[in-house]
């Protein structure tokens, strides 16, 4: 019976890891994250509850590394590595950068939050099967975008002058 349950399941983690990179100064800004798949599920308000802190990916906590001082909203983020969390809501999203990193995605400690900033949310015309994080050039610096299911959220990041 157990063989039948796992016969068509791929070996290893169901959510692959990925790293997206953007040159910044003489180094590179990067985000490392687990890429969960929709697989026919209701994502926001279902798999990912509304108004609760979410690991913003799958498995190990998502991490952002900046080689330079960044401005995220009005907050200065020193060079270093941070875990990335979010709070999805039907009325708006929040991005959280947390000083703790390297932990499993269920080990969130709000006392270590560095910044909480509003994100712009959009509804997509067609669903995105595999969660995707992108770093895109923007007039003010870099745009961090997260897309999954029928939702895309974004926040600008800029090098501190």
N, C-alpha and C. Protein backbone atom coordinates (compact mmCIF):
# COMPACT_ATOMS: atom_id res chain seq x y z
N UNK A 1 0.83 -1.20 0.00
CA UNK A 1 0.00 0.00 0.00
C UNK A 1 0.87 1.25 0.00
N UNK A 2 1.95 1.25 0.78
CA UNK A 2 2.83 2.42 0.83
C UNK A 2 3.47 2.68 -0.53
N UNK A 3 3.81 1.63 -1.24
CA UNK A 3 4.40 1.78 -2.56
C UNK A 3 3.46 2.53 -3.49
N UNK A 4 2.19 2.24 -3.44
CA UNK A 4 1.21 2.92 -4.30
C UNK A 4 1.10 4.40 -3.94
N UNK A 5 1.22 4.73 -2.66
CA UNK A 5 1.12 6.13 -2.24
C UNK A 5 2.28 6.96 -2.78
N UNK A 6 3.45 6.37 -2.86
CA UNK A 6 4.65 7.13 -3.24
C UNK A 6 5.18 6.80 -4.64
N UNK A 7 4.48 5.95 -5.36
CA UNK A 7 4.96 5.48 -6.64
C UNK A 7 5.23 6.61 -7.64
N UNK A 8 4.38 7.61 -7.70
CA UNK A 8 4.54 8.67 -8.69
C UNK A 8 5.04 9.98 -8.09
N UNK A 9 5.42 9.95 -6.85
CA UNK A 9 5.96 11.14 -6.20
C UNK A 9 7.44 11.27 -6.56
N UNK A 10 7.86 12.48 -6.96
CA UNK A 10 9.29 12.64 -7.28
C UNK A 10 10.13 12.49 -6.02
N UNK A 11 11.36 12.04 -6.21
CA UNK A 11 12.28 11.91 -5.09
C UNK A 11 12.78 13.29 -4.67
N UNK A 12 13.07 13.45 -3.42
CA UNK A 12 13.58 14.73 -2.93
C UNK A 12 12.45 15.68 -2.57
N UNK A 13 12.83 16.94 -2.34
CA UNK A 13 11.88 17.96 -1.93
C UNK A 13 10.90 18.26 -3.06
N UNK A 14 9.64 18.50 -2.69
CA UNK A 14 8.64 18.86 -3.68
C UNK A 14 8.85 20.27 -4.22
N UNK A 15 9.49 21.11 -3.44
CA UNK A 15 9.72 22.51 -3.82
C UNK A 15 11.21 22.73 -4.03
N UNK A 16 11.59 22.94 -5.28
CA UNK A 16 13.00 23.17 -5.61
C UNK A 16 13.48 24.50 -5.04
N UNK A 17 14.79 24.61 -4.78
CA UNK A 17 15.39 25.88 -4.35
C UNK A 17 15.84 26.63 -5.59
N UNK A 18 15.85 27.95 -5.47
CA UNK A 18 16.34 28.79 -6.55
C UNK A 18 16.98 30.02 -5.92
N UNK A 19 17.87 30.65 -6.67
CA UNK A 19 18.49 31.90 -6.24
C UNK A 19 18.42 32.88 -7.39
N UNK A 20 17.92 34.05 -7.11
CA UNK A 20 17.85 35.13 -8.10
C UNK A 20 18.88 36.18 -7.69
N UNK A 21 19.57 36.76 -8.68
CA UNK A 21 20.67 37.68 -8.39
C UNK A 21 20.53 38.98 -9.19
N UNK A 22 21.07 40.07 -8.60
CA UNK A 22 21.11 41.36 -9.27
C UNK A 22 22.42 42.04 -8.90
N UNK A 23 23.24 42.44 -9.92
CA UNK A 23 24.47 43.16 -9.59
C UNK A 23 24.15 44.43 -8.80
N UNK A 24 24.96 44.71 -7.79
CA UNK A 24 24.80 45.91 -6.99
C UNK A 24 26.18 46.35 -6.54
N UNK A 25 26.63 47.46 -7.08
CA UNK A 25 27.99 47.91 -6.79
C UNK A 25 28.97 46.89 -7.34
N UNK A 26 29.98 46.55 -6.56
CA UNK A 26 30.98 45.58 -6.98
C UNK A 26 30.59 44.16 -6.60
N UNK A 27 29.38 43.97 -6.08
CA UNK A 27 28.96 42.67 -5.62
C UNK A 27 27.56 42.35 -6.14
N UNK A 28 26.86 41.46 -5.45
CA UNK A 28 25.57 40.98 -5.95
C UNK A 28 24.54 40.90 -4.83
N UNK A 29 23.37 41.45 -5.09
CA UNK A 29 22.20 41.27 -4.22
C UNK A 29 21.58 39.95 -4.64
N UNK A 30 21.21 39.09 -3.68
CA UNK A 30 20.58 37.82 -4.05
C UNK A 30 19.48 37.45 -3.08
N UNK A 31 18.55 36.64 -3.60
CA UNK A 31 17.47 36.05 -2.80
C UNK A 31 17.46 34.56 -3.08
N UNK A 32 17.53 33.75 -2.02
CA UNK A 32 17.49 32.30 -2.12
C UNK A 32 16.18 31.83 -1.49
N UNK A 33 15.41 30.99 -2.23
CA UNK A 33 14.08 30.61 -1.75
C UNK A 33 13.64 29.26 -2.28
N UNK A 34 12.67 28.68 -1.58
CA UNK A 34 12.02 27.45 -2.03
C UNK A 34 10.84 27.83 -2.92
N UNK A 35 10.64 27.08 -4.01
CA UNK A 35 9.62 27.42 -5.01
C UNK A 35 8.45 26.43 -4.95
N UNK A 36 7.47 26.68 -4.08
CA UNK A 36 6.31 25.77 -4.03
C UNK A 36 5.48 25.86 -5.30
N UNK A 37 4.70 24.82 -5.54
CA UNK A 37 3.82 24.77 -6.71
C UNK A 37 2.36 24.81 -6.28
N UNK A 38 1.55 25.36 -7.14
CA UNK A 38 0.11 25.48 -6.89
C UNK A 38 -0.56 24.11 -6.83
N UNK A 39 -0.29 23.24 -7.77
CA UNK A 39 -0.82 21.88 -7.83
C UNK A 39 -2.33 21.81 -7.57
N UNK A 40 -3.09 22.74 -8.16
CA UNK A 40 -4.55 22.71 -8.07
C UNK A 40 -5.12 23.24 -6.77
N UNK A 41 -4.27 23.73 -5.89
CA UNK A 41 -4.74 24.18 -4.58
C UNK A 41 -5.12 25.66 -4.60
N UNK A 42 -5.98 26.06 -3.65
CA UNK A 42 -6.24 27.48 -3.40
C UNK A 42 -5.08 27.96 -2.54
N UNK A 43 -4.32 28.93 -3.04
CA UNK A 43 -3.10 29.34 -2.35
C UNK A 43 -3.38 30.38 -1.26
N UNK A 44 -3.66 31.61 -1.65
CA UNK A 44 -3.83 32.68 -0.66
C UNK A 44 -5.24 32.63 -0.09
N UNK A 45 -5.29 32.53 1.23
CA UNK A 45 -6.55 32.30 1.91
C UNK A 45 -6.84 30.82 2.08
N UNK A 46 -5.96 29.95 1.54
CA UNK A 46 -6.08 28.50 1.66
C UNK A 46 -4.80 27.93 2.24
N UNK A 47 -3.88 27.50 1.36
CA UNK A 47 -2.58 26.98 1.80
C UNK A 47 -1.84 28.03 2.63
N UNK A 48 -1.88 29.27 2.17
CA UNK A 48 -1.25 30.40 2.87
C UNK A 48 -2.37 31.25 3.47
N UNK A 49 -2.56 31.18 4.80
CA UNK A 49 -3.67 31.92 5.42
C UNK A 49 -3.50 33.44 5.30
N UNK A 50 -4.63 34.13 5.25
CA UNK A 50 -4.60 35.59 5.27
C UNK A 50 -4.18 36.08 6.65
N UNK A 51 -3.49 37.21 6.66
CA UNK A 51 -3.17 37.96 7.89
C UNK A 51 -2.28 37.21 8.88
N UNK A 52 -1.49 36.26 8.38
CA UNK A 52 -0.52 35.55 9.22
C UNK A 52 0.85 35.61 8.55
N UNK A 53 1.90 35.62 9.36
CA UNK A 53 3.26 35.64 8.82
C UNK A 53 3.50 34.36 8.04
N UNK A 54 4.00 34.51 6.81
CA UNK A 54 4.27 33.39 5.91
C UNK A 54 5.76 33.38 5.56
N UNK A 55 6.34 32.23 5.40
CA UNK A 55 7.77 32.07 5.11
C UNK A 55 8.17 32.59 3.73
N UNK A 56 7.21 32.98 2.91
CA UNK A 56 7.46 33.52 1.57
C UNK A 56 8.27 32.52 0.74
N UNK A 57 7.73 31.33 0.64
CA UNK A 57 8.37 30.26 -0.11
C UNK A 57 8.05 28.94 0.56
N UNK A 58 8.97 28.00 0.40
CA UNK A 58 8.77 26.67 0.97
C UNK A 58 10.05 26.22 1.67
N UNK A 59 9.86 25.31 2.61
CA UNK A 59 10.97 24.65 3.31
C UNK A 59 11.79 25.65 4.13
N UNK A 60 13.10 25.73 3.90
CA UNK A 60 13.94 26.65 4.68
C UNK A 60 13.51 28.09 4.41
N UNK A 61 13.73 28.95 5.40
CA UNK A 61 13.33 30.35 5.27
C UNK A 61 14.02 30.99 4.06
N UNK A 62 13.26 31.82 3.36
CA UNK A 62 13.80 32.60 2.25
C UNK A 62 14.82 33.58 2.82
N UNK A 63 15.92 33.78 2.08
CA UNK A 63 16.99 34.68 2.52
C UNK A 63 17.29 35.72 1.46
N UNK A 64 17.57 36.93 1.93
CA UNK A 64 18.02 38.02 1.07
C UNK A 64 19.39 38.44 1.57
N UNK A 65 20.33 38.61 0.65
CA UNK A 65 21.67 39.09 1.00
C UNK A 65 21.93 40.37 0.22
N UNK A 66 22.33 41.42 0.95
CA UNK A 66 22.69 42.67 0.30
C UNK A 66 24.15 43.01 0.63
N UNK A 67 24.94 43.34 -0.39
CA UNK A 67 26.33 43.71 -0.15
C UNK A 67 26.49 45.20 0.20
N UNK A 68 25.40 45.96 0.07
CA UNK A 68 25.43 47.42 0.29
C UNK A 68 24.27 47.81 1.20
N UNK A 69 24.32 49.03 1.71
CA UNK A 69 23.18 49.55 2.46
C UNK A 69 22.02 49.76 1.51
N UNK A 70 20.87 49.20 1.87
CA UNK A 70 19.66 49.33 1.05
C UNK A 70 18.65 50.19 1.78
N UNK A 71 17.80 50.83 1.01
CA UNK A 71 16.62 51.47 1.55
C UNK A 71 15.43 50.59 1.15
N UNK A 72 14.71 50.12 2.16
CA UNK A 72 13.48 49.36 1.94
C UNK A 72 12.40 50.20 2.60
N UNK A 73 11.58 50.82 1.78
CA UNK A 73 10.69 51.84 2.32
C UNK A 73 11.56 52.97 2.83
N UNK A 74 11.35 53.38 4.06
CA UNK A 74 12.15 54.45 4.67
C UNK A 74 13.19 53.90 5.65
N UNK A 75 13.38 52.59 5.65
CA UNK A 75 14.30 51.95 6.60
C UNK A 75 15.61 51.59 5.91
N UNK A 76 16.71 51.91 6.57
CA UNK A 76 18.03 51.52 6.09
C UNK A 76 18.30 50.09 6.52
N UNK A 77 18.70 49.28 5.56
CA UNK A 77 19.06 47.88 5.82
C UNK A 77 20.57 47.76 5.60
N UNK A 78 21.34 47.48 6.68
CA UNK A 78 22.79 47.36 6.55
C UNK A 78 23.18 46.17 5.68
N UNK A 79 24.39 46.17 5.13
CA UNK A 79 24.85 44.99 4.38
C UNK A 79 24.74 43.75 5.26
N UNK A 80 24.34 42.64 4.66
CA UNK A 80 24.22 41.40 5.41
C UNK A 80 23.17 40.49 4.83
N UNK A 81 22.87 39.43 5.56
CA UNK A 81 21.88 38.43 5.14
C UNK A 81 20.72 38.46 6.11
N UNK A 82 19.51 38.37 5.57
CA UNK A 82 18.27 38.46 6.34
C UNK A 82 17.30 37.40 5.86
N UNK A 83 16.40 36.98 6.74
CA UNK A 83 15.31 36.12 6.27
C UNK A 83 14.16 37.02 5.80
N UNK A 84 13.41 36.50 4.84
CA UNK A 84 12.32 37.25 4.21
C UNK A 84 11.01 36.58 4.57
N UNK A 85 10.08 37.36 5.07
CA UNK A 85 8.76 36.89 5.46
C UNK A 85 7.74 37.85 4.87
N UNK A 86 6.50 37.46 4.84
CA UNK A 86 5.46 38.37 4.39
C UNK A 86 4.17 38.08 5.16
N UNK A 87 3.29 39.06 5.12
CA UNK A 87 1.96 38.91 5.69
C UNK A 87 0.96 39.20 4.57
N UNK A 88 0.44 38.13 3.93
CA UNK A 88 -0.56 38.33 2.88
C UNK A 88 -1.89 38.75 3.49
N UNK A 89 -2.54 39.68 2.84
CA UNK A 89 -3.84 40.16 3.29
C UNK A 89 -4.68 40.49 2.07
N UNK A 90 -5.98 40.40 2.20
CA UNK A 90 -6.87 40.76 1.10
C UNK A 90 -6.85 42.26 0.85
N UNK A 91 -6.38 43.04 1.81
CA UNK A 91 -6.36 44.49 1.66
C UNK A 91 -4.96 45.06 1.47
N UNK A 92 -3.93 44.21 1.43
CA UNK A 92 -2.56 44.67 1.23
C UNK A 92 -1.57 43.72 1.88
N UNK A 93 -0.37 43.70 1.38
CA UNK A 93 0.68 42.80 1.87
C UNK A 93 1.75 43.60 2.60
N UNK A 94 2.46 42.91 3.49
CA UNK A 94 3.63 43.47 4.16
C UNK A 94 4.82 42.56 3.88
N UNK A 95 5.97 43.15 3.62
CA UNK A 95 7.24 42.44 3.51
C UNK A 95 7.97 42.63 4.83
N UNK A 96 8.57 41.57 5.33
CA UNK A 96 9.34 41.62 6.58
C UNK A 96 10.75 41.14 6.30
N UNK A 97 11.74 41.92 6.71
CA UNK A 97 13.13 41.46 6.73
C UNK A 97 13.49 41.25 8.19
N UNK A 98 14.04 40.08 8.48
CA UNK A 98 14.31 39.66 9.85
C UNK A 98 15.80 39.38 9.99
N UNK A 99 16.38 39.78 11.11
CA UNK A 99 17.83 39.61 11.34
C UNK A 99 18.27 38.15 11.47
N UNK A 100 17.35 37.26 11.80
CA UNK A 100 17.68 35.84 11.91
C UNK A 100 17.66 35.23 10.51
N UNK A 101 18.62 34.38 10.21
CA UNK A 101 18.61 33.70 8.91
C UNK A 101 19.24 32.33 9.05
N UNK A 102 18.99 31.48 8.06
CA UNK A 102 19.53 30.13 8.06
C UNK A 102 18.62 29.12 8.75
N UNK A 103 17.48 29.55 9.21
CA UNK A 103 16.57 28.67 9.94
C UNK A 103 15.53 28.04 9.00
N UNK A 104 14.82 27.04 9.52
CA UNK A 104 13.70 26.44 8.80
C UNK A 104 12.59 27.48 8.71
N UNK A 105 11.76 27.38 7.69
CA UNK A 105 10.75 28.40 7.42
C UNK A 105 9.60 28.50 8.40
N UNK A 106 9.58 27.68 9.43
CA UNK A 106 8.54 27.80 10.45
C UNK A 106 9.09 28.42 11.73
N UNK A 107 10.38 28.79 11.73
CA UNK A 107 11.02 29.32 12.93
C UNK A 107 11.16 30.84 12.82
N UNK A 108 10.06 31.53 13.00
CA UNK A 108 10.01 32.98 12.88
C UNK A 108 10.02 33.62 14.27
N UNK A 109 10.89 34.60 14.46
CA UNK A 109 11.01 35.32 15.72
C UNK A 109 10.79 36.81 15.45
N UNK A 110 9.60 37.31 15.74
CA UNK A 110 9.25 38.70 15.42
C UNK A 110 10.13 39.71 16.16
N UNK A 111 10.75 39.31 17.27
CA UNK A 111 11.62 40.24 18.01
C UNK A 111 12.87 40.57 17.21
N UNK A 112 13.15 39.81 16.15
CA UNK A 112 14.35 40.03 15.31
C UNK A 112 14.03 40.79 14.02
N UNK A 113 12.77 41.27 13.88
CA UNK A 113 12.39 42.02 12.68
C UNK A 113 13.20 43.31 12.56
N UNK A 114 13.69 43.57 11.36
CA UNK A 114 14.39 44.82 11.06
C UNK A 114 13.44 45.81 10.41
N UNK A 115 12.63 45.32 9.47
CA UNK A 115 11.74 46.21 8.74
C UNK A 115 10.45 45.48 8.36
N UNK A 116 9.36 46.22 8.38
CA UNK A 116 8.07 45.79 7.84
C UNK A 116 7.61 46.90 6.92
N UNK A 117 7.35 46.56 5.67
CA UNK A 117 7.00 47.59 4.70
C UNK A 117 5.85 47.08 3.83
N UNK A 118 4.98 48.02 3.42
CA UNK A 118 3.87 47.67 2.54
C UNK A 118 4.39 47.26 1.16
N UNK A 119 3.67 46.31 0.55
CA UNK A 119 3.98 45.88 -0.81
C UNK A 119 2.80 46.22 -1.71
N UNK A 120 3.10 46.49 -2.96
CA UNK A 120 2.05 46.71 -3.96
C UNK A 120 1.55 45.35 -4.41
N UNK A 121 0.24 45.15 -4.43
CA UNK A 121 -0.35 43.87 -4.83
C UNK A 121 -1.15 44.05 -6.11
N UNK A 122 -1.04 43.05 -6.99
CA UNK A 122 -1.78 43.03 -8.25
C UNK A 122 -2.41 41.66 -8.44
N UNK A 123 -3.55 41.62 -9.13
CA UNK A 123 -4.17 40.36 -9.50
C UNK A 123 -3.75 40.04 -10.93
N UNK A 124 -3.25 38.83 -11.14
CA UNK A 124 -2.80 38.39 -12.46
C UNK A 124 -3.95 37.78 -13.25
N UNK A 125 -3.92 37.93 -14.57
CA UNK A 125 -4.96 37.39 -15.45
C UNK A 125 -4.94 35.86 -15.47
N UNK A 126 -3.75 35.28 -15.39
CA UNK A 126 -3.66 33.82 -15.38
C UNK A 126 -2.74 33.39 -14.23
N UNK A 127 -2.98 32.20 -13.68
CA UNK A 127 -2.22 31.78 -12.50
C UNK A 127 -0.78 31.41 -12.83
N UNK A 128 0.09 31.65 -11.86
CA UNK A 128 1.50 31.24 -11.92
C UNK A 128 1.58 29.94 -11.13
N UNK A 129 1.99 28.85 -11.77
CA UNK A 129 2.02 27.53 -11.14
C UNK A 129 3.09 27.43 -10.06
N UNK A 130 4.31 27.90 -10.36
CA UNK A 130 5.43 27.78 -9.42
C UNK A 130 5.80 29.17 -8.91
N UNK A 131 5.80 29.33 -7.59
CA UNK A 131 6.13 30.63 -7.01
C UNK A 131 7.46 31.13 -7.55
N UNK A 132 7.49 32.40 -7.90
CA UNK A 132 8.68 32.99 -8.50
C UNK A 132 9.02 34.30 -7.81
N UNK A 133 10.28 34.48 -7.48
CA UNK A 133 10.79 35.76 -6.98
C UNK A 133 11.73 36.30 -8.05
N UNK A 134 11.56 37.58 -8.36
CA UNK A 134 12.42 38.23 -9.35
C UNK A 134 12.98 39.52 -8.78
N UNK A 135 14.18 39.87 -9.21
CA UNK A 135 14.79 41.16 -8.95
C UNK A 135 14.90 41.85 -10.30
N UNK A 136 14.21 42.98 -10.45
CA UNK A 136 14.16 43.65 -11.75
C UNK A 136 14.70 45.07 -11.62
N UNK A 137 15.43 45.53 -12.65
CA UNK A 137 15.86 46.93 -12.63
C UNK A 137 14.62 47.83 -12.62
N UNK A 138 14.74 48.93 -11.88
CA UNK A 138 13.63 49.86 -11.72
C UNK A 138 14.24 51.27 -11.75
N UNK A 139 13.44 52.27 -12.06
CA UNK A 139 13.95 53.64 -12.14
C UNK A 139 14.64 54.07 -10.85
N UNK A 140 14.15 53.59 -9.71
CA UNK A 140 14.72 53.98 -8.42
C UNK A 140 15.77 52.99 -7.91
N UNK A 141 15.97 51.88 -8.60
CA UNK A 141 16.94 50.88 -8.15
C UNK A 141 16.54 49.50 -8.60
N UNK A 142 15.96 48.72 -7.68
CA UNK A 142 15.59 47.33 -7.95
C UNK A 142 14.18 47.09 -7.43
N UNK A 143 13.42 46.32 -8.17
CA UNK A 143 12.08 45.93 -7.75
C UNK A 143 12.11 44.46 -7.38
N UNK A 144 11.72 44.13 -6.15
CA UNK A 144 11.58 42.75 -5.70
C UNK A 144 10.14 42.34 -5.97
N UNK A 145 9.93 41.33 -6.83
CA UNK A 145 8.59 40.86 -7.17
C UNK A 145 8.42 39.41 -6.77
N UNK A 146 7.25 39.10 -6.22
CA UNK A 146 6.88 37.74 -5.86
C UNK A 146 5.57 37.42 -6.57
N UNK A 147 5.56 36.35 -7.37
CA UNK A 147 4.37 35.96 -8.11
C UNK A 147 4.02 34.52 -7.81
N UNK A 148 2.73 34.29 -7.54
CA UNK A 148 2.25 32.92 -7.34
C UNK A 148 0.74 32.93 -7.43
N UNK A 149 0.20 31.89 -8.03
CA UNK A 149 -1.23 31.78 -8.25
C UNK A 149 -1.66 33.00 -9.08
N UNK A 150 -2.63 33.73 -8.64
CA UNK A 150 -3.09 34.91 -9.40
C UNK A 150 -2.66 36.22 -8.74
N UNK A 151 -1.58 36.16 -7.95
CA UNK A 151 -1.12 37.33 -7.20
C UNK A 151 0.32 37.66 -7.54
N UNK A 152 0.59 38.97 -7.71
CA UNK A 152 1.96 39.47 -7.83
C UNK A 152 2.08 40.64 -6.85
N UNK A 153 3.10 40.58 -6.00
CA UNK A 153 3.38 41.67 -5.07
C UNK A 153 4.79 42.17 -5.32
N UNK A 154 5.00 43.45 -5.03
CA UNK A 154 6.33 44.01 -5.28
C UNK A 154 6.65 45.11 -4.27
N UNK A 155 7.94 45.33 -4.12
CA UNK A 155 8.45 46.40 -3.26
C UNK A 155 9.76 46.91 -3.86
N UNK A 156 9.95 48.24 -3.90
CA UNK A 156 11.22 48.77 -4.41
C UNK A 156 12.33 48.69 -3.37
N UNK A 157 13.51 48.35 -3.84
CA UNK A 157 14.73 48.35 -3.03
C UNK A 157 15.69 49.32 -3.71
N UNK A 158 16.34 50.16 -2.96
CA UNK A 158 17.31 51.05 -3.60
C UNK A 158 18.57 51.15 -2.76
N UNK A 159 19.66 51.30 -3.44
CA UNK A 159 20.94 51.49 -2.77
C UNK A 159 20.93 52.83 -2.05
N UNK A 160 21.31 52.82 -0.79
CA UNK A 160 21.33 54.07 -0.02
C UNK A 160 22.40 54.99 -0.57
N UNK A 161 22.02 56.24 -0.81
CA UNK A 161 22.95 57.21 -1.40
C UNK A 161 23.97 57.66 -0.39
